[in-house]
Amino acid sequence: MRERPWNGRCHRCGKETSCHIMSMFNTELICMDCAEKEENRPDYEDANAADVAAIKQGNYNFEGVGMK
């Protein structure tokens, strides 16, 4: 996925927001509502574990496991 700069809107839902976080599944910058939806996905723990494993291997630019 190609990175997009933060423009004050959630890359996923388009909502205007002043607070964002990077998705655990890809490189989208998402609002806290979308982040909460991600955390409730059944595959969230697997995505989080993959992120932690990538960081431990020195990959600080992990692009996530992808959205399914």
PDB file of N, CA and C in Angstrom:
ATOM      1  N   MET A   1       0.848  -1.179   0.000  1.00  0.00           N
ATOM      2  CA  MET A   1       0.000   0.000   0.000  1.00  0.00           C
ATOM      3  C   MET A   1       0.887   1.232   0.000  1.00  0.00           C
ATOM      4  N   ARG A   2       0.547   2.197  -0.788  1.00  0.00           N
ATOM      5  CA  ARG A   2       1.307   3.434  -0.844  1.00  0.00           C
ATOM      6  C   ARG A   2       0.918   4.343   0.312  1.00  0.00           C
ATOM      7  N   GLU A   3       1.931   4.914   0.951  1.00  0.00           N
ATOM      8  CA  GLU A   3       1.669   5.799   2.082  1.00  0.00           C
ATOM      9  C   GLU A   3       1.047   7.109   1.622  1.00  0.00           C
ATOM     10  N   ARG A   4       0.110   7.586   2.386  1.00  0.00           N
ATOM     11  CA  ARG A   4      -0.490   8.895   2.144  1.00  0.00           C
ATOM     12  C   ARG A   4      -0.208   9.773   3.344  1.00  0.00           C
ATOM     13  N   PRO A   5       0.080  11.028   3.119  1.00  0.00           N
ATOM     14  CA  PRO A   5       0.330  11.914   4.252  1.00  0.00           C
ATOM     15  C   PRO A   5      -0.956  12.164   5.042  1.00  0.00           C
ATOM     16  N   TRP A   6      -0.784  12.493   6.304  1.00  0.00           N
ATOM     17  CA  TRP A   6      -1.936  12.810   7.151  1.00  0.00           C
ATOM     18  C   TRP A   6      -2.475  14.167   6.738  1.00  0.00           C
ATOM     19  N   ASN A   7      -3.774  14.214   6.466  1.00  0.00           N
ATOM     20  CA  ASN A   7      -4.414  15.466   6.057  1.00  0.00           C
ATOM     21  C   ASN A   7      -5.572  15.844   6.976  1.00  0.00           C
ATOM     22  N   GLY A   8      -5.635  15.225   8.152  1.00  0.00           N
ATOM     23  CA  GLY A   8      -6.703  15.518   9.097  1.00  0.00           C
ATOM     24  C   GLY A   8      -7.939  14.661   8.912  1.00  0.00           C
ATOM     25  N   ARG A   9      -7.876  13.711   7.978  1.00  0.00           N
ATOM     26  CA  ARG A   9      -8.996  12.802   7.726  1.00  0.00           C
ATOM     27  C   ARG A   9      -8.516  11.363   7.799  1.00  0.00           C
ATOM     28  N   CYS A  10      -9.348  10.532   8.391  1.00  0.00           N
ATOM     29  CA  CYS A  10      -9.057   9.101   8.494  1.00  0.00           C
ATOM     30  C   CYS A  10      -8.901   8.524   7.087  1.00  0.00           C
ATOM     31  N   HIS A  11      -7.825   7.791   6.872  1.00  0.00           N
ATOM     32  CA  HIS A  11      -7.598   7.182   5.566  1.00  0.00           C
ATOM     33  C   HIS A  11      -8.616   6.084   5.262  1.00  0.00           C
ATOM     34  N   ARG A  12      -9.247   5.546   6.274  1.00  0.00           N
ATOM     35  CA  ARG A  12     -10.200   4.457   6.057  1.00  0.00           C
ATOM     36  C   ARG A  12     -11.632   4.960   5.881  1.00  0.00           C
ATOM     37  N   CYS A  13     -12.110   5.769   6.821  1.00  0.00           N
ATOM     38  CA  CYS A  13     -13.519   6.182   6.766  1.00  0.00           C
ATOM     39  C   CYS A  13     -13.701   7.624   6.283  1.00  0.00           C
ATOM     40  N   GLY A  14     -12.623   8.388   6.245  1.00  0.00           N
ATOM     41  CA  GLY A  14     -12.703   9.760   5.750  1.00  0.00           C
ATOM     42  C   GLY A  14     -13.146  10.799   6.766  1.00  0.00           C
ATOM     43  N   LYS A  15     -13.404  10.352   8.002  1.00  0.00           N
ATOM     44  CA  LYS A  15     -13.869  11.275   9.037  1.00  0.00           C
ATOM     45  C   LYS A  15     -12.762  12.254   9.411  1.00  0.00           C
ATOM     46  N   GLU A  16     -13.131  13.519   9.594  1.00  0.00           N
ATOM     47  CA  GLU A  16     -12.180  14.518  10.048  1.00  0.00           C
ATOM     48  C   GLU A  16     -11.891  14.290  11.525  1.00  0.00           C
ATOM     49  N   THR A  17     -10.594  14.296  11.876  1.00  0.00           N
ATOM     50  CA  THR A  17     -10.199  14.029  13.261  1.00  0.00           C
ATOM     51  C   THR A  17      -8.824  14.627  13.527  1.00  0.00           C
ATOM     52  N   SER A  18      -8.570  14.952  14.765  1.00  0.00           N
ATOM     53  CA  SER A  18      -7.254  15.478  15.137  1.00  0.00           C
ATOM     54  C   SER A  18      -6.389  14.401  15.783  1.00  0.00           C
ATOM     55  N   CYS A  19      -6.920  13.203  15.924  1.00  0.00           N
ATOM     56  CA  CYS A  19      -6.206  12.110  16.583  1.00  0.00           C
ATOM     57  C   CYS A  19      -6.213  10.891  15.658  1.00  0.00           C
ATOM     58  N   HIS A  20      -5.046  10.293  15.455  1.00  0.00           N
ATOM     59  CA  HIS A  20      -4.982   9.121  14.581  1.00  0.00           C
ATOM     60  C   HIS A  20      -3.892   8.170  15.053  1.00  0.00           C
ATOM     61  N   ILE A  21      -3.940   6.969  14.493  1.00  0.00           N
ATOM     62  CA  ILE A  21      -2.967   5.917  14.773  1.00  0.00           C
ATOM     63  C   ILE A  21      -2.796   5.124  13.482  1.00  0.00           C
ATOM     64  N   MET A  22      -1.666   4.445  13.332  1.00  0.00           N
ATOM     65  CA  MET A  22      -1.486   3.616  12.146  1.00  0.00           C
ATOM     66  C   MET A  22      -2.215   2.283  12.352  1.00  0.00           C
ATOM     67  N   SER A  23      -2.868   1.840  11.313  1.00  0.00           N
ATOM     68  CA  SER A  23      -3.567   0.564  11.341  1.00  0.00           C
ATOM     69  C   SER A  23      -2.601  -0.561  11.685  1.00  0.00           C
ATOM     70  N   MET A  24      -3.096  -1.587  12.334  1.00  0.00           N
ATOM     71  CA  MET A  24      -2.300  -2.768  12.629  1.00  0.00           C
ATOM     72  C   MET A  24      -2.257  -3.698  11.413  1.00  0.00           C
ATOM     73  N   PHE A  25      -3.112  -3.455  10.422  1.00  0.00           N
ATOM     74  CA  PHE A  25      -3.227  -4.341   9.271  1.00  0.00           C
ATOM     75  C   PHE A  25      -2.547  -3.814   8.016  1.00  0.00           C
ATOM     76  N   ASN A  26      -2.379  -2.500   7.914  1.00  0.00           N
ATOM     77  CA  ASN A  26      -1.719  -1.898   6.763  1.00  0.00           C
ATOM     78  C   ASN A  26      -1.156  -0.534   7.180  1.00  0.00           C
ATOM     79  N   THR A  27      -0.788   0.297   6.240  1.00  0.00           N
ATOM     80  CA  THR A  27      -0.149   1.572   6.585  1.00  0.00           C
ATOM     81  C   THR A  27      -1.113   2.748   6.600  1.00  0.00           C
ATOM     82  N   GLU A  28      -2.413   2.482   6.644  1.00  0.00           N
ATOM     83  CA  GLU A  28      -3.381   3.570   6.726  1.00  0.00           C
ATOM     84  C   GLU A  28      -3.288   4.252   8.089  1.00  0.00           C
ATOM     85  N   LEU A  29      -3.459   5.564   8.093  1.00  0.00           N
ATOM     86  CA  LEU A  29      -3.574   6.333   9.327  1.00  0.00           C
ATOM     87  C   LEU A  29      -5.057   6.457   9.608  1.00  0.00           C
ATOM     88  N   ILE A  30      -5.499   5.900  10.725  1.00  0.00           N
ATOM     89  CA  ILE A  30      -6.931   5.773  10.990  1.00  0.00           C
ATOM     90  C   ILE A  30      -7.340   6.497  12.263  1.00  0.00           C
ATOM     91  N   CYS A  31      -8.617   6.879  12.303  1.00  0.00           N
ATOM     92  CA  CYS A  31      -9.175   7.543  13.481  1.00  0.00           C
ATOM     93  C   CYS A  31      -9.348   6.521  14.604  1.00  0.00           C
ATOM     94  N   MET A  32      -9.627   7.005  15.776  1.00  0.00           N
ATOM     95  CA  MET A  32      -9.743   6.123  16.933  1.00  0.00           C
ATOM     96  C   MET A  32     -10.979   5.226  16.839  1.00  0.00           C
ATOM     97  N   ASP A  33     -12.028   5.670  16.143  1.00  0.00           N
ATOM     98  CA  ASP A  33     -13.196   4.800  15.942  1.00  0.00           C
ATOM     99  C   ASP A  33     -12.824   3.599  15.081  1.00  0.00           C
ATOM    100  N   CYS A  34     -12.079   3.839  13.996  1.00  0.00           N
ATOM    101  CA  CYS A  34     -11.644   2.735  13.139  1.00  0.00           C
ATOM    102  C   CYS A  34     -10.646   1.844  13.878  1.00  0.00           C
ATOM    103  N   ALA A  35      -9.803   2.446  14.721  1.00  0.00           N
ATOM    104  CA  ALA A  35      -8.860   1.660  15.517  1.00  0.00           C
ATOM    105  C   ALA A  35      -9.609   0.725  16.469  1.00  0.00           C
ATOM    106  N   GLU A  36     -10.673   1.227  17.068  1.00  0.00           N
ATOM    107  CA  GLU A  36     -11.466   0.387  17.973  1.00  0.00           C
ATOM    108  C   GLU A  36     -12.114  -0.768  17.211  1.00  0.00           C
ATOM    109  N   LYS A  37     -12.592  -0.501  16.000  1.00  0.00           N
ATOM    110  CA  LYS A  37     -13.164  -1.580  15.183  1.00  0.00           C
ATOM    111  C   LYS A  37     -12.112  -2.633  14.872  1.00  0.00           C
ATOM    112  N   GLU A  38     -10.891  -2.182  14.577  1.00  0.00           N
ATOM    113  CA  GLU A  38      -9.803  -3.132  14.327  1.00  0.00           C
ATOM    114  C   GLU A  38      -9.561  -4.012  15.539  1.00  0.00           C
ATOM    115  N   GLU A  39      -9.509  -3.402  16.711  1.00  0.00           N
ATOM    116  CA  GLU A  39      -9.223  -4.151  17.936  1.00  0.00           C
ATOM    117  C   GLU A  39     -10.273  -5.209  18.225  1.00  0.00           C
ATOM    118  N   ASN A  40     -11.469  -5.052  17.677  1.00  0.00           N
ATOM    119  CA  ASN A  40     -12.544  -6.016  17.885  1.00  0.00           C
ATOM    120  C   ASN A  40     -12.579  -7.112  16.825  1.00  0.00           C
ATOM    121  N   ARG A  41     -11.694  -7.033  15.836  1.00  0.00           N
ATOM    122  CA  ARG A  41     -11.634  -8.071  14.802  1.00  0.00           C
ATOM    123  C   ARG A  41     -11.050  -9.346  15.398  1.00  0.00           C
ATOM    124  N   PRO A  42     -11.524 -10.508  14.963  1.00  0.00           N
ATOM    125  CA  PRO A  42     -10.999 -11.763  15.507  1.00  0.00           C
ATOM    126  C   PRO A  42      -9.532 -12.006  15.147  1.00  0.00           C
ATOM    127  N   ASP A  43      -9.029 -11.371  14.084  1.00  0.00           N
ATOM    128  CA  ASP A  43      -7.637 -11.573  13.674  1.00  0.00           C
ATOM    129  C   ASP A  43      -6.700 -10.463  14.165  1.00  0.00           C
ATOM    130  N   TYR A  44      -7.178  -9.603  15.058  1.00  0.00           N
ATOM    131  CA  TYR A  44      -6.356  -8.493  15.555  1.00  0.00           C
ATOM    132  C   TYR A  44      -5.115  -8.983  16.299  1.00  0.00           C
ATOM    133  N   GLU A  45      -5.271  -9.965  17.153  1.00  0.00           N
ATOM    134  CA  GLU A  45      -4.125 -10.462  17.932  1.00  0.00           C
ATOM    135  C   GLU A  45      -3.043 -11.019  17.021  1.00  0.00           C
ATOM    136  N   ASP A  46      -3.442 -11.687  15.929  1.00  0.00           N
ATOM    137  CA  ASP A  46      -2.455 -12.201  14.972  1.00  0.00           C
ATOM    138  C   ASP A  46      -1.717 -11.057  14.289  1.00  0.00           C
ATOM    139  N   ALA A  47      -2.445 -10.009  13.911  1.00  0.00           N
ATOM    140  CA  ALA A  47      -1.821  -8.846  13.275  1.00  0.00           C
ATOM    141  C   ALA A  47      -0.869  -8.157  14.242  1.00  0.00           C
ATOM    142  N   ASN A  48      -1.264  -8.038  15.485  1.00  0.00           N
ATOM    143  CA  ASN A  48      -0.419  -7.421  16.506  1.00  0.00           C
ATOM    144  C   ASN A  48       0.843  -8.260  16.731  1.00  0.00           C
ATOM    145  N   ALA A  49       0.693  -9.559  16.809  1.00  0.00           N
ATOM    146  CA  ALA A  49       1.846 -10.451  17.008  1.00  0.00           C
ATOM    147  C   ALA A  49       2.817 -10.354  15.833  1.00  0.00           C
ATOM    148  N   ALA A  50       2.300 -10.253  14.621  1.00  0.00           N
ATOM    149  CA  ALA A  50       3.165 -10.107  13.437  1.00  0.00           C
ATOM    150  C   ALA A  50       3.930  -8.794  13.489  1.00  0.00           C
ATOM    151  N   ASP A  51       3.287  -7.744  13.954  1.00  0.00           N
ATOM    152  CA  ASP A  51       3.935  -6.440  14.090  1.00  0.00           C
ATOM    153  C   ASP A  51       5.066  -6.509  15.116  1.00  0.00           C
ATOM    154  N   VAL A  52       4.793  -7.098  16.261  1.00  0.00           N
ATOM    155  CA  VAL A  52       5.802  -7.227  17.312  1.00  0.00           C
ATOM    156  C   VAL A  52       6.981  -8.063  16.809  1.00  0.00           C
ATOM    157  N   ALA A  53       6.705  -9.153  16.108  1.00  0.00           N
ATOM    158  CA  ALA A  53       7.766 -10.015  15.573  1.00  0.00           C
ATOM    159  C   ALA A  53       8.625  -9.247  14.565  1.00  0.00           C
ATOM    160  N   ALA A  54       8.003  -8.452  13.721  1.00  0.00           N
ATOM    161  CA  ALA A  54       8.753  -7.662  12.734  1.00  0.00           C
ATOM    162  C   ALA A  54       9.668  -6.663  13.434  1.00  0.00           C
ATOM    163  N   ILE A  55       9.159  -6.008  14.453  1.00  0.00           N
ATOM    164  CA  ILE A  55       9.962  -5.027  15.203  1.00  0.00           C
ATOM    165  C   ILE A  55      11.145  -5.722  15.879  1.00  0.00           C
ATOM    166  N   LYS A  56      10.925  -6.891  16.464  1.00  0.00           N
ATOM    167  CA  LYS A  56      12.001  -7.627  17.118  1.00  0.00           C
ATOM    168  C   LYS A  56      13.100  -8.029  16.129  1.00  0.00           C
ATOM    169  N   GLN A  57      12.717  -8.191  14.858  1.00  0.00           N
ATOM    170  CA  GLN A  57      13.690  -8.530  13.815  1.00  0.00           C
ATOM    171  C   GLN A  57      14.329  -7.280  13.208  1.00  0.00           C
ATOM    172  N   GLY A  58      13.959  -6.106  13.731  1.00  0.00           N
ATOM    173  CA  GLY A  58      14.549  -4.860  13.246  1.00  0.00           C
ATOM    174  C   GLY A  58      13.778  -4.172  12.148  1.00  0.00           C
ATOM    175  N   ASN A  59      12.618  -4.704  11.791  1.00  0.00           N
ATOM    176  CA  ASN A  59      11.806  -4.087  10.740  1.00  0.00           C
ATOM    177  C   ASN A  59      10.858  -3.076  11.378  1.00  0.00           C
ATOM    178  N   TYR A  60      11.253  -1.815  11.353  1.00  0.00           N
ATOM    179  CA  TYR A  60      10.436  -0.748  11.935  1.00  0.00           C
ATOM    180  C   TYR A  60       9.493  -0.136  10.901  1.00  0.00           C
ATOM    181  N   ASN A  61       9.467  -0.706   9.699  1.00  0.00           N
ATOM    182  CA  ASN A  61       8.584  -0.231   8.633  1.00  0.00           C
ATOM    183  C   ASN A  61       7.667  -1.346   8.142  1.00  0.00           C
ATOM    184  N   PHE A  62       7.245  -2.216   9.047  1.00  0.00           N
ATOM    185  CA  PHE A  62       6.364  -3.339   8.706  1.00  0.00           C
ATOM    186  C   PHE A  62       5.069  -2.795   8.116  1.00  0.00           C
ATOM    187  N   GLU A  63       4.667  -3.321   6.981  1.00  0.00           N
ATOM    188  CA  GLU A  63       3.471  -2.827   6.289  1.00  0.00           C
ATOM    189  C   GLU A  63       2.192  -3.536   6.721  1.00  0.00           C
ATOM    190  N   GLY A  64       2.285  -4.374   7.725  1.00  0.00           N
ATOM    191  CA  GLY A  64       1.101  -5.071   8.218  1.00  0.00           C
ATOM    192  C   GLY A  64       0.819  -6.344   7.482  1.00  0.00           C
ATOM    193  N   VAL A  65      -0.167  -7.068   7.956  1.00  0.00           N
ATOM    194  CA  VAL A  65      -0.518  -8.365   7.377  1.00  0.00           C
ATOM    195  C   VAL A  65      -1.546  -8.240   6.266  1.00  0.00           C
ATOM    196  N   GLY A  66      -2.090  -7.060   6.085  1.00  0.00           N
ATOM    197  CA  GLY A  66      -3.106  -6.831   5.056  1.00  0.00           C
ATOM    198  C   GLY A  66      -4.511  -7.015   5.606  1.00  0.00           C
ATOM    199  N   MET A  67      -5.447  -6.357   4.968  1.00  0.00           N
ATOM    200  CA  MET A  67      -6.861  -6.481   5.352  1.00  0.00           C
ATOM    201  C   MET A  67      -7.468  -7.652   4.590  1.00  0.00           C
ATOM    202  N   LYS A  68      -8.230  -8.465   5.292  1.00  0.00           N
ATOM    203  CA  LYS A  68      -8.900  -9.614   4.651  1.00  0.00           C
ATOM    204  C   LYS A  68     -10.379  -9.416   4.692  1.00  0.00           C
TER     205      LYS A  68
END
